Amino acid sequence: MSPAEEEKSLPLPERWPRASKFALSACAAAVAELVTFPLDLTKTRLQVQGEAAVLRSGAAGGQAVPHRGTLRTAAGIVQEEGLGKLWQGATPAVYRHIVYSGVRMVAYEHLRDSVLGRSEDESFPLWKAVVGGMTAGAIGQFFASPTDLVKVQMQMEGKRKLEGKPLRFRGVHHAFMKILSEGGIRGLWAGWVPNVQRAALVNMGDLTTYDSVKHFLLLNTPLVDNSVTHSIASCCSGLVAAVLGTPADVVKTRIMNQPRDKQGRGLLYRSSTDCLIQTVQGEGFMSLYKGFVPTWMRM
């Protein structure tokens, strides 16, 4: 049998390992996104709740919206907009995961094998895994940022309807085309700076904490390397990732959701730094952790 025939006889995952890994990771990410998407929608609504810049501009009628927690926000969406609205914006969220997961995987493997390099014993040190994970996550999030922008804006359409405001989009394709026509290519990357910062911080917190907690439990407790140990380590790593990433996520959501002029420029915030300062000054430091609970639950 010739080498070409031998290659054709191999299973698809062996012939196309990276393509197969990407397809499987994309499918897994899409399923996970759809299952947990109501938490993401609830998180987005919480992050713009009581937005001081909106109240000052008069866009909300100058009246503060009563504070709602995670459960009351989710229940309010179901009661006021319908159960199906818990998945509003799910399509661009799936697109985002496909782009993010694919780019991050390819970038991480390239960094691991060609840039950072393995040790002589073929192991990959933790610090290199953290650097590689942060960099790959940031690169993946940069390329996926337009889909995040559309997702956030579509998640807010139900709230706009309740407030008597006109809907901005008829669907996902219309959203992309409208943003592109109003702000150009640059408009599709509105909010990319805090978005990339969030991805890097989440990857750093997740990678470092998971391994540290797992090793601590194995060395200092009767626990063995099983599902219980993995679950505890995952909860702890998700907590740290949420603590590190939520402030950047709040800033990202507010920048992406703010009204814009005909040239696509934001009317409330000039930059992510301006959004951060206005949020802290108008609502207090803890406003940077709005949506923390559903964020942690998703992780």
C-alpha atoms as a PDB file:
ATOM      1  CA  MET A   1       0.000   0.000   0.000  1.00  0.00           C
ATOM      2  CA  SER A   2       1.378   3.410  -1.007  1.00  0.00           C
ATOM      3  CA  PRO A   3       1.856   6.220   1.556  1.00  0.00           C
ATOM      4  CA  ALA A   4      -1.025   8.140  -0.017  1.00  0.00           C
ATOM      5  CA  GLU A   5      -3.352   5.135   0.282  1.00  0.00           C
ATOM      6  CA  GLU A   6      -2.216   4.530   3.866  1.00  0.00           C
ATOM      7  CA  GLU A   7      -3.025   8.142   4.736  1.00  0.00           C
ATOM      8  CA  LYS A   8      -6.493   7.852   3.196  1.00  0.00           C
ATOM      9  CA  SER A   9      -7.176   4.703   5.209  1.00  0.00           C
ATOM     10  CA  LEU A  10      -6.497   6.486   8.508  1.00  0.00           C
ATOM     11  CA  PRO A  11      -9.464   7.729  10.553  1.00  0.00           C
ATOM     12  CA  LEU A  12     -10.369  11.374   9.961  1.00  0.00           C
ATOM     13  CA  PRO A  13      -9.128  12.581  13.406  1.00  0.00           C
ATOM     14  CA  GLU A  14      -5.671  11.156  12.627  1.00  0.00           C
ATOM     15  CA  ARG A  15      -5.573  12.588   9.098  1.00  0.00           C
ATOM     16  CA  TRP A  16      -6.745  16.047  10.156  1.00  0.00           C
ATOM     17  CA  PRO A  17      -5.989  16.319  13.885  1.00  0.00           C
ATOM     18  CA  ARG A  18      -6.277  20.102  14.222  1.00  0.00           C
ATOM     19  CA  ALA A  19      -9.390  20.352  12.041  1.00  0.00           C
ATOM     20  CA  SER A  20     -11.031  17.526  13.983  1.00  0.00           C
ATOM     21  CA  LYS A  21     -10.087  19.096  17.317  1.00  0.00           C
ATOM     22  CA  PHE A  22     -11.477  22.441  16.164  1.00  0.00           C
ATOM     23  CA  ALA A  23     -14.764  20.891  14.977  1.00  0.00           C
ATOM     24  CA  LEU A  24     -15.243  18.982  18.241  1.00  0.00           C
ATOM     25  CA  SER A  25     -14.349  21.973  20.425  1.00  0.00           C
ATOM     26  CA  ALA A  26     -16.646  24.241  18.392  1.00  0.00           C
ATOM     27  CA  CYS A  27     -19.570  21.814  18.763  1.00  0.00           C
ATOM     28  CA  ALA A  28     -18.956  21.404  22.492  1.00  0.00           C
ATOM     29  CA  ALA A  29     -18.681  25.179  22.940  1.00  0.00           C
ATOM     30  CA  ALA A  30     -21.910  25.763  20.998  1.00  0.00           C
ATOM     31  CA  VAL A  31     -23.848  23.286  23.152  1.00  0.00           C
ATOM     32  CA  ALA A  32     -22.420  24.769  26.361  1.00  0.00           C
ATOM     33  CA  GLU A  33     -23.269  28.275  25.165  1.00  0.00           C
ATOM     34  CA  LEU A  34     -26.890  27.398  24.400  1.00  0.00           C
ATOM     35  CA  VAL A  35     -27.379  25.652  27.750  1.00  0.00           C
ATOM     36  CA  THR A  36     -25.935  28.510  29.811  1.00  0.00           C
ATOM     37  CA  PHE A  37     -27.055  31.421  27.603  1.00  0.00           C
ATOM     38  CA  PRO A  38     -29.903  32.570  29.910  1.00  0.00           C
ATOM     39  CA  LEU A  39     -27.227  33.252  32.540  1.00  0.00           C
ATOM     40  CA  ASP A  40     -25.302  35.334  30.011  1.00  0.00           C
ATOM     41  CA  LEU A  41     -28.392  37.355  29.103  1.00  0.00           C
ATOM     42  CA  THR A  42     -29.166  37.928  32.788  1.00  0.00           C
ATOM     43  CA  LYS A  43     -25.578  39.022  33.373  1.00  0.00           C
ATOM     44  CA  THR A  44     -25.763  41.568  30.537  1.00  0.00           C
ATOM     45  CA  ARG A  45     -29.022  43.064  31.833  1.00  0.00           C
ATOM     46  CA  LEU A  46     -27.546  43.336  35.358  1.00  0.00           C
ATOM     47  CA  GLN A  47     -24.414  45.054  34.054  1.00  0.00           C
ATOM     48  CA  VAL A  48     -26.367  47.948  32.520  1.00  0.00           C
ATOM     49  CA  GLN A  49     -28.837  48.223  35.407  1.00  0.00           C
ATOM     50  CA  GLY A  50     -28.770  51.674  36.996  1.00  0.00           C
ATOM     51  CA  GLU A  51     -26.162  52.948  34.516  1.00  0.00           C
ATOM     52  CA  ALA A  52     -25.280  56.432  35.797  1.00  0.00           C
ATOM     53  CA  ALA A  53     -24.263  57.801  32.376  1.00  0.00           C
ATOM     54  CA  VAL A  54     -27.641  56.809  30.908  1.00  0.00           C
ATOM     55  CA  LEU A  55     -29.536  58.455  33.771  1.00  0.00           C
ATOM     56  CA  ARG A  56     -27.526  61.660  33.374  1.00  0.00           C
ATOM     57  CA  SER A  57     -28.136  61.747  29.625  1.00  0.00           C
ATOM     58  CA  GLY A  58     -31.904  61.357  30.113  1.00  0.00           C
ATOM     59  CA  ALA A  59     -32.029  58.281  27.859  1.00  0.00           C
ATOM     60  CA  ALA A  60     -33.898  56.379  30.589  1.00  0.00           C
ATOM     61  CA  GLY A  61     -36.350  59.180  31.265  1.00  0.00           C
ATOM     62  CA  GLY A  62     -34.179  60.410  34.134  1.00  0.00           C
ATOM     63  CA  GLN A  63     -35.601  57.807  36.521  1.00  0.00           C
ATOM     64  CA  ALA A  64     -33.597  55.158  38.299  1.00  0.00           C
ATOM     65  CA  VAL A  65     -34.699  51.589  37.625  1.00  0.00           C
ATOM     66  CA  PRO A  66     -35.426  49.566  40.795  1.00  0.00           C
ATOM     67  CA  HIS A  67     -32.556  47.218  41.600  1.00  0.00           C
ATOM     68  CA  ARG A  68     -33.077  43.569  40.746  1.00  0.00           C
ATOM     69  CA  GLY A  69     -30.903  40.619  41.640  1.00  0.00           C
ATOM     70  CA  THR A  70     -30.061  37.650  39.442  1.00  0.00           C
ATOM     71  CA  LEU A  71     -33.255  35.655  40.065  1.00  0.00           C
ATOM     72  CA  ARG A  72     -35.611  38.646  39.828  1.00  0.00           C
ATOM     73  CA  THR A  73     -33.922  39.814  36.627  1.00  0.00           C
ATOM     74  CA  ALA A  74     -34.268  36.401  34.988  1.00  0.00           C
ATOM     75  CA  ALA A  75     -37.873  36.060  36.191  1.00  0.00           C
ATOM     76  CA  GLY A  76     -38.649  39.569  34.971  1.00  0.00           C
ATOM     77  CA  ILE A  77     -37.398  38.730  31.473  1.00  0.00           C
ATOM     78  CA  VAL A  78     -39.662  35.683  31.346  1.00  0.00           C
ATOM     79  CA  GLN A  79     -42.713  37.556  32.694  1.00  0.00           C
ATOM     80  CA  GLU A  80     -42.301  40.747  30.679  1.00  0.00           C
ATOM     81  CA  GLU A  81     -40.810  39.470  27.419  1.00  0.00           C
ATOM     82  CA  GLY A  82     -41.471  35.733  27.260  1.00  0.00           C
ATOM     83  CA  LEU A  83     -39.478  32.561  27.937  1.00  0.00           C
ATOM     84  CA  GLY A  84     -37.929  32.511  24.451  1.00  0.00           C
ATOM     85  CA  LYS A  85     -36.303  35.902  25.036  1.00  0.00           C
ATOM     86  CA  LEU A  86     -33.870  34.251  27.459  1.00  0.00           C
ATOM     87  CA  TRP A  87     -32.086  33.088  24.293  1.00  0.00           C
ATOM     88  CA  GLN A  88     -32.184  36.405  22.425  1.00  0.00           C
ATOM     89  CA  GLY A  89     -28.728  36.913  20.937  1.00  0.00           C
ATOM     90  CA  ALA A  90     -27.797  33.222  21.122  1.00  0.00           C
ATOM     91  CA  THR A  91     -26.916  33.012  17.410  1.00  0.00           C
ATOM     92  CA  PRO A  92     -24.060  35.562  17.484  1.00  0.00           C
ATOM     93  CA  ALA A  93     -22.970  33.996  20.796  1.00  0.00           C
ATOM     94  CA  VAL A  94     -22.508  30.651  19.024  1.00  0.00           C
ATOM     95  CA  TYR A  95     -20.637  32.416  16.196  1.00  0.00           C
ATOM     96  CA  ARG A  96     -18.440  34.024  18.814  1.00  0.00           C
ATOM     97  CA  HIS A  97     -17.568  30.694  20.420  1.00  0.00           C
ATOM     98  CA  ILE A  98     -16.693  29.121  17.066  1.00  0.00           C
ATOM     99  CA  VAL A  99     -14.346  31.988  16.164  1.00  0.00           C
ATOM    100  CA  TYR A 100     -12.904  32.350  19.669  1.00  0.00           C
ATOM    101  CA  SER A 101     -12.347  28.634  20.284  1.00  0.00           C
ATOM    102  CA  GLY A 102     -10.804  28.058  16.854  1.00  0.00           C
ATOM    103  CA  VAL A 103      -8.414  31.011  16.912  1.00  0.00           C
ATOM    104  CA  ARG A 104      -7.444  30.432  20.549  1.00  0.00           C
ATOM    105  CA  MET A 105      -6.694  26.746  19.953  1.00  0.00           C
ATOM    106  CA  VAL A 106      -4.528  27.389  16.879  1.00  0.00           C
ATOM    107  CA  ALA A 107      -2.738  30.321  18.558  1.00  0.00           C
ATOM    108  CA  TYR A 108      -2.076  28.368  21.767  1.00  0.00           C
ATOM    109  CA  GLU A 109      -0.640  25.348  19.959  1.00  0.00           C
ATOM    110  CA  HIS A 110       1.593  27.608  17.847  1.00  0.00           C
ATOM    111  CA  LEU A 111       2.825  29.471  20.919  1.00  0.00           C
ATOM    112  CA  ARG A 112       3.391  26.226  22.824  1.00  0.00           C
ATOM    113  CA  ASP A 113       5.269  24.413  20.050  1.00  0.00           C
ATOM    114  CA  SER A 114       7.049  27.199  18.159  1.00  0.00           C
ATOM    115  CA  VAL A 115       7.401  30.272  20.383  1.00  0.00           C
ATOM    116  CA  LEU A 116       7.551  29.292  24.063  1.00  0.00           C
ATOM    117  CA  GLY A 117       8.747  25.718  23.543  1.00  0.00           C
ATOM    118  CA  ARG A 118       8.561  22.700  25.804  1.00  0.00           C
ATOM    119  CA  SER A 119      11.157  21.735  28.413  1.00  0.00           C
ATOM    120  CA  GLU A 120      13.773  19.070  27.699  1.00  0.00           C
ATOM    121  CA  ASP A 121      11.557  16.426  29.310  1.00  0.00           C
ATOM    122  CA  GLU A 122       8.688  17.475  26.971  1.00  0.00           C
ATOM    123  CA  SER A 123       6.727  19.021  29.851  1.00  0.00           C
ATOM    124  CA  PHE A 124       5.162  22.482  29.599  1.00  0.00           C
ATOM    125  CA  PRO A 125       5.819  24.676  32.695  1.00  0.00           C
ATOM    126  CA  LEU A 126       2.887  26.412  34.360  1.00  0.00           C
ATOM    127  CA  TRP A 127       4.213  29.925  33.703  1.00  0.00           C
ATOM    128  CA  LYS A 128       4.477  29.164  29.989  1.00  0.00           C
ATOM    129  CA  ALA A 129       0.951  27.743  30.003  1.00  0.00           C
ATOM    130  CA  VAL A 130      -0.309  30.943  31.667  1.00  0.00           C
ATOM    131  CA  VAL A 131       1.512  33.228  29.211  1.00  0.00           C
ATOM    132  CA  GLY A 132       0.399  31.125  26.267  1.00  0.00           C
ATOM    133  CA  GLY A 133      -3.188  30.918  27.534  1.00  0.00           C
ATOM    134  CA  MET A 134      -3.454  34.656  28.173  1.00  0.00           C
ATOM    135  CA  THR A 135      -1.972  35.551  24.789  1.00  0.00           C
ATOM    136  CA  ALA A 136      -4.016  33.008  22.863  1.00  0.00           C
ATOM    137  CA  GLY A 137      -7.194  34.068  24.685  1.00  0.00           C
ATOM    138  CA  ALA A 138      -6.546  37.725  23.909  1.00  0.00           C
ATOM    139  CA  ILE A 139      -5.912  36.979  20.217  1.00  0.00           C
ATOM    140  CA  GLY A 140      -9.027  34.801  19.974  1.00  0.00           C
ATOM    141  CA  GLN A 141     -11.186  37.419  21.672  1.00  0.00           C
ATOM    142  CA  PHE A 142      -9.917  40.169  19.374  1.00  0.00           C
ATOM    143  CA  PHE A 143     -11.050  38.258  16.289  1.00  0.00           C
ATOM    144  CA  ALA A 144     -14.379  37.343  17.937  1.00  0.00           C
ATOM    145  CA  SER A 145     -15.130  40.873  19.203  1.00  0.00           C
ATOM    146  CA  PRO A 146     -17.594  41.803  16.391  1.00  0.00           C
ATOM    147  CA  THR A 147     -19.795  38.830  17.283  1.00  0.00           C
ATOM    148  CA  ASP A 148     -19.684  39.888  20.951  1.00  0.00           C
ATOM    149  CA  LEU A 149     -20.786  43.381  19.945  1.00  0.00           C
ATOM    150  CA  VAL A 150     -23.813  42.053  18.044  1.00  0.00           C
ATOM    151  CA  LYS A 151     -24.642  39.641  20.877  1.00  0.00           C
ATOM    152  CA  VAL A 152     -24.676  42.379  23.534  1.00  0.00           C
ATOM    153  CA  GLN A 153     -26.793  44.719  21.425  1.00  0.00           C
ATOM    154  CA  MET A 154     -29.299  41.975  20.550  1.00  0.00           C
ATOM    155  CA  GLN A 155     -29.543  40.979  24.225  1.00  0.00           C
ATOM    156  CA  MET A 156     -30.720  44.505  24.999  1.00  0.00           C
ATOM    157  CA  GLU A 157     -33.448  44.632  22.324  1.00  0.00           C
ATOM    158  CA  GLY A 158     -36.147  43.259  24.648  1.00  0.00           C
ATOM    159  CA  LYS A 159     -35.365  45.938  27.233  1.00  0.00           C
ATOM    160  CA  ARG A 160     -35.512  48.645  24.562  1.00  0.00           C
ATOM    161  CA  LYS A 161     -38.946  47.431  23.490  1.00  0.00           C
ATOM    162  CA  LEU A 162     -40.254  47.597  27.063  1.00  0.00           C
ATOM    163  CA  GLU A 163     -38.925  51.170  27.316  1.00  0.00           C
ATOM    164  CA  GLY A 164     -40.819  52.164  24.171  1.00  0.00           C
ATOM    165  CA  LYS A 165     -37.666  52.588  22.091  1.00  0.00           C
ATOM    166  CA  PRO A 166     -37.467  51.378  18.464  1.00  0.00           C
ATOM    167  CA  LEU A 167     -35.698  48.086  17.861  1.00  0.00           C
ATOM    168  CA  ARG A 168     -32.293  48.447  16.239  1.00  0.00           C
ATOM    169  CA  PHE A 169     -32.097  45.168  14.321  1.00  0.00           C
ATOM    170  CA  ARG A 170     -34.285  42.686  12.453  1.00  0.00           C
ATOM    171  CA  GLY A 171     -31.801  39.837  12.880  1.00  0.00           C
ATOM    172  CA  VAL A 172     -28.140  38.882  13.118  1.00  0.00           C
ATOM    173  CA  HIS A 173     -27.251  39.640   9.493  1.00  0.00           C
ATOM    174  CA  HIS A 174     -29.035  42.996   9.638  1.00  0.00           C
ATOM    175  CA  ALA A 175     -27.158  43.834  12.859  1.00  0.00           C
ATOM    176  CA  PHE A 176     -23.759  43.192  11.290  1.00  0.00           C
ATOM    177  CA  MET A 177     -24.635  45.177   8.156  1.00  0.00           C
ATOM    178  CA  LYS A 178     -26.088  48.119  10.097  1.00  0.00           C
ATOM    179  CA  ILE A 179     -23.083  48.405  12.423  1.00  0.00           C
ATOM    180  CA  LEU A 180     -20.761  48.137   9.410  1.00  0.00           C
ATOM    181  CA  SER A 181     -22.638  50.798   7.447  1.00  0.00           C
ATOM    182  CA  GLU A 182     -22.730  53.247  10.367  1.00  0.00           C
ATOM    183  CA  GLY A 183     -19.281  52.762  11.889  1.00  0.00           C
ATOM    184  CA  GLY A 184     -17.289  50.985   9.207  1.00  0.00           C
ATOM    185  CA  ILE A 185     -14.898  48.141   9.948  1.00  0.00           C
ATOM    186  CA  ARG A 186     -13.721  50.018  13.035  1.00  0.00           C
ATOM    187  CA  GLY A 187     -17.291  50.111  14.357  1.00  0.00           C
ATOM    188  CA  LEU A 188     -17.408  46.311  14.495  1.00  0.00           C
ATOM    189  CA  TRP A 189     -14.548  46.368  16.997  1.00  0.00           C
ATOM    190  CA  ALA A 190     -16.145  48.842  19.419  1.00  0.00           C
ATOM    191  CA  GLY A 191     -15.267  47.762  22.952  1.00  0.00           C
ATOM    192  CA  TRP A 192     -12.482  45.429  21.866  1.00  0.00           C
ATOM    193  CA  VAL A 193      -9.972  46.759  24.426  1.00  0.00           C
ATOM    194  CA  PRO A 194     -11.863  45.730  27.611  1.00  0.00           C
ATOM    195  CA  ASN A 195     -13.028  42.617  25.759  1.00  0.00           C
ATOM    196  CA  VAL A 196      -9.442  41.497  25.143  1.00  0.00           C
ATOM    197  CA  GLN A 197      -8.429  42.489  28.685  1.00  0.00           C
ATOM    198  CA  ARG A 198     -11.248  40.382  30.099  1.00  0.00           C
ATOM    199  CA  ALA A 199     -10.240  37.332  28.041  1.00  0.00           C
ATOM    200  CA  ALA A 200      -6.606  37.589  29.145  1.00  0.00           C
ATOM    201  CA  LEU A 201      -7.529  38.008  32.825  1.00  0.00           C
ATOM    202  CA  VAL A 202     -10.057  35.160  32.762  1.00  0.00           C
ATOM    203  CA  ASN A 203      -7.537  32.795  31.163  1.00  0.00           C
ATOM    204  CA  MET A 204      -4.861  33.804  33.674  1.00  0.00           C
ATOM    205  CA  GLY A 205      -7.147  33.284  36.672  1.00  0.00           C
ATOM    206  CA  ASP A 206      -8.541  30.038  35.342  1.00  0.00           C
ATOM    207  CA  LEU A 207      -5.226  28.389  34.441  1.00  0.00           C
ATOM    208  CA  THR A 208      -3.250  29.393  37.539  1.00  0.00           C
ATOM    209  CA  THR A 209      -5.974  28.736  40.110  1.00  0.00           C
ATOM    210  CA  TYR A 210      -7.152  25.375  38.756  1.00  0.00           C
ATOM    211  CA  ASP A 211      -3.714  23.760  38.887  1.00  0.00           C
ATOM    212  CA  SER A 212      -2.797  25.380  42.217  1.00  0.00           C
ATOM    213  CA  VAL A 213      -6.009  24.304  43.963  1.00  0.00           C
ATOM    214  CA  LYS A 214      -5.868  20.803  42.505  1.00  0.00           C
ATOM    215  CA  HIS A 215      -2.277  20.267  43.660  1.00  0.00           C
ATOM    216  CA  PHE A 216      -3.062  21.704  47.104  1.00  0.00           C
ATOM    217  CA  LEU A 217      -6.032  19.359  47.555  1.00  0.00           C
ATOM    218  CA  LEU A 218      -4.064  16.307  46.458  1.00  0.00           C
ATOM    219  CA  LEU A 219      -1.153  17.111  48.781  1.00  0.00           C
ATOM    220  CA  ASN A 220      -3.026  18.348  51.872  1.00  0.00           C
ATOM    221  CA  THR A 221      -6.352  16.522  51.956  1.00  0.00           C
ATOM    222  CA  PRO A 222      -7.523  12.904  51.722  1.00  0.00           C
ATOM    223  CA  LEU A 223      -9.027  13.667  48.285  1.00  0.00           C
ATOM    224  CA  VAL A 224      -7.734  11.753  45.272  1.00  0.00           C
ATOM    225  CA  ASP A 225      -7.609  12.755  41.614  1.00  0.00           C
ATOM    226  CA  ASN A 226     -11.296  12.284  40.799  1.00  0.00           C
ATOM    227  CA  SER A 227     -14.370  14.231  39.752  1.00  0.00           C
ATOM    228  CA  VAL A 228     -14.830  15.766  43.235  1.00  0.00           C
ATOM    229  CA  THR A 229     -11.320  17.228  43.193  1.00  0.00           C
ATOM    230  CA  HIS A 230     -11.799  18.522  39.643  1.00  0.00           C
ATOM    231  CA  SER A 231     -15.146  20.093  40.592  1.00  0.00           C
ATOM    232  CA  ILE A 232     -13.700  21.933  43.611  1.00  0.00           C
ATOM    233  CA  ALA A 233     -10.726  23.159  41.567  1.00  0.00           C
ATOM    234  CA  SER A 234     -13.082  24.290  38.793  1.00  0.00           C
ATOM    235  CA  CYS A 235     -15.295  26.226  41.231  1.00  0.00           C
ATOM    236  CA  CYS A 236     -12.271  27.977  42.702  1.00  0.00           C
ATOM    237  CA  SER A 237     -10.759  28.789  39.323  1.00  0.00           C
ATOM    238  CA  GLY A 238     -14.115  30.102  38.100  1.00  0.00           C
ATOM    239  CA  LEU A 239     -14.374  32.322  41.187  1.00  0.00           C
ATOM    240  CA  VAL A 240     -10.929  33.850  40.640  1.00  0.00           C
ATOM    241  CA  ALA A 241     -11.566  34.263  36.906  1.00  0.00           C
ATOM    242  CA  ALA A 242     -14.873  36.027  37.639  1.00  0.00           C
ATOM    243  CA  VAL A 243     -13.242  38.330  40.211  1.00  0.00           C
ATOM    244  CA  LEU A 244     -10.512  39.301  37.742  1.00  0.00           C
ATOM    245  CA  GLY A 245     -12.652  39.535  34.611  1.00  0.00           C
ATOM    246  CA  THR A 246     -16.004  41.016  35.696  1.00  0.00           C
ATOM    247  CA  PRO A 247     -14.895  44.702  35.884  1.00  0.00           C
ATOM    248  CA  ALA A 248     -13.576  44.573  32.310  1.00  0.00           C
ATOM    249  CA  ASP A 249     -16.747  42.742  31.266  1.00  0.00           C
ATOM    250  CA  VAL A 250     -18.974  45.481  32.742  1.00  0.00           C
ATOM    251  CA  VAL A 251     -17.001  48.161  30.895  1.00  0.00           C
ATOM    252  CA  LYS A 252     -17.141  46.123  27.677  1.00  0.00           C
ATOM    253  CA  THR A 253     -20.907  45.660  27.892  1.00  0.00           C
ATOM    254  CA  ARG A 254     -21.578  49.348  28.535  1.00  0.00           C
ATOM    255  CA  ILE A 255     -19.340  50.519  25.701  1.00  0.00           C
ATOM    256  CA  MET A 256     -20.872  48.038  23.274  1.00  0.00           C
ATOM    257  CA  ASN A 257     -24.439  48.930  24.276  1.00  0.00           C
ATOM    258  CA  GLN A 258     -24.127  52.730  24.354  1.00  0.00           C
ATOM    259  CA  PRO A 259     -26.018  54.806  21.750  1.00  0.00           C
ATOM    260  CA  ARG A 260     -23.939  56.096  18.856  1.00  0.00           C
ATOM    261  CA  ASP A 261     -24.078  58.993  16.402  1.00  0.00           C
ATOM    262  CA  LYS A 262     -24.308  58.631  12.624  1.00  0.00           C
ATOM    263  CA  GLN A 263     -20.550  58.184  12.419  1.00  0.00           C
ATOM    264  CA  GLY A 264     -20.653  55.302  14.911  1.00  0.00           C
ATOM    265  CA  ARG A 265     -19.057  57.259  17.765  1.00  0.00           C
ATOM    266  CA  GLY A 266     -20.239  56.584  21.315  1.00  0.00           C
ATOM    267  CA  LEU A 267     -22.432  59.232  22.922  1.00  0.00           C
ATOM    268  CA  LEU A 268     -21.864  58.253  26.562  1.00  0.00           C
ATOM    269  CA  TYR A 269     -18.240  57.131  26.799  1.00  0.00           C
ATOM    270  CA  ARG A 270     -15.130  58.296  24.940  1.00  0.00           C
ATOM    271  CA  SER A 271     -13.070  55.230  25.860  1.00  0.00           C
ATOM    272  CA  SER A 272     -12.935  52.244  28.190  1.00  0.00           C
ATOM    273  CA  THR A 273     -11.048  54.363  30.749  1.00  0.00           C
ATOM    274  CA  ASP A 274     -13.746  57.044  30.607  1.00  0.00           C
ATOM    275  CA  CYS A 275     -16.418  54.363  31.100  1.00  0.00           C
ATOM    276  CA  LEU A 276     -14.524  52.933  34.083  1.00  0.00           C
ATOM    277  CA  ILE A 277     -14.189  56.354  35.737  1.00  0.00           C
ATOM    278  CA  GLN A 278     -17.827  57.340  35.131  1.00  0.00           C
ATOM    279  CA  THR A 279     -19.067  53.995  36.452  1.00  0.00           C
ATOM    280  CA  VAL A 280     -17.052  54.167  39.685  1.00  0.00           C
ATOM    281  CA  GLN A 281     -17.815  57.854  40.285  1.00  0.00           C
ATOM    282  CA  GLY A 282     -21.525  57.546  39.558  1.00  0.00           C
ATOM    283  CA  GLU A 283     -22.323  54.142  41.076  1.00  0.00           C
ATOM    284  CA  GLY A 284     -19.454  53.185  43.356  1.00  0.00           C
ATOM    285  CA  PHE A 285     -16.635  50.656  43.040  1.00  0.00           C
ATOM    286  CA  MET A 286     -18.859  47.602  43.525  1.00  0.00           C
ATOM    287  CA  SER A 287     -20.844  48.530  40.402  1.00  0.00           C
ATOM    288  CA  LEU A 288     -17.913  46.995  38.510  1.00  0.00           C
ATOM    289  CA  TYR A 289     -19.131  43.639  39.836  1.00  0.00           C
ATOM    290  CA  LYS A 290     -22.695  43.845  38.571  1.00  0.00           C
ATOM    291  CA  GLY A 291     -23.561  40.469  37.072  1.00  0.00           C
ATOM    292  CA  PHE A 292     -20.886  38.689  39.119  1.00  0.00           C
ATOM    293  CA  VAL A 293     -23.092  35.802  40.270  1.00  0.00           C
ATOM    294  CA  PRO A 294     -24.277  34.653  36.801  1.00  0.00           C
ATOM    295  CA  THR A 295     -20.737  35.183  35.494  1.00  0.00           C
ATOM    296  CA  TRP A 296     -19.338  32.810  38.127  1.00  0.00           C
ATOM    297  CA  MET A 297     -22.144  30.322  37.582  1.00  0.00           C
ATOM    298  CA  ARG A 298     -21.342  30.158  33.871  1.00  0.00           C
ATOM    299  CA  MET A 299     -17.667  29.523  34.527  1.00  0.00           C
END
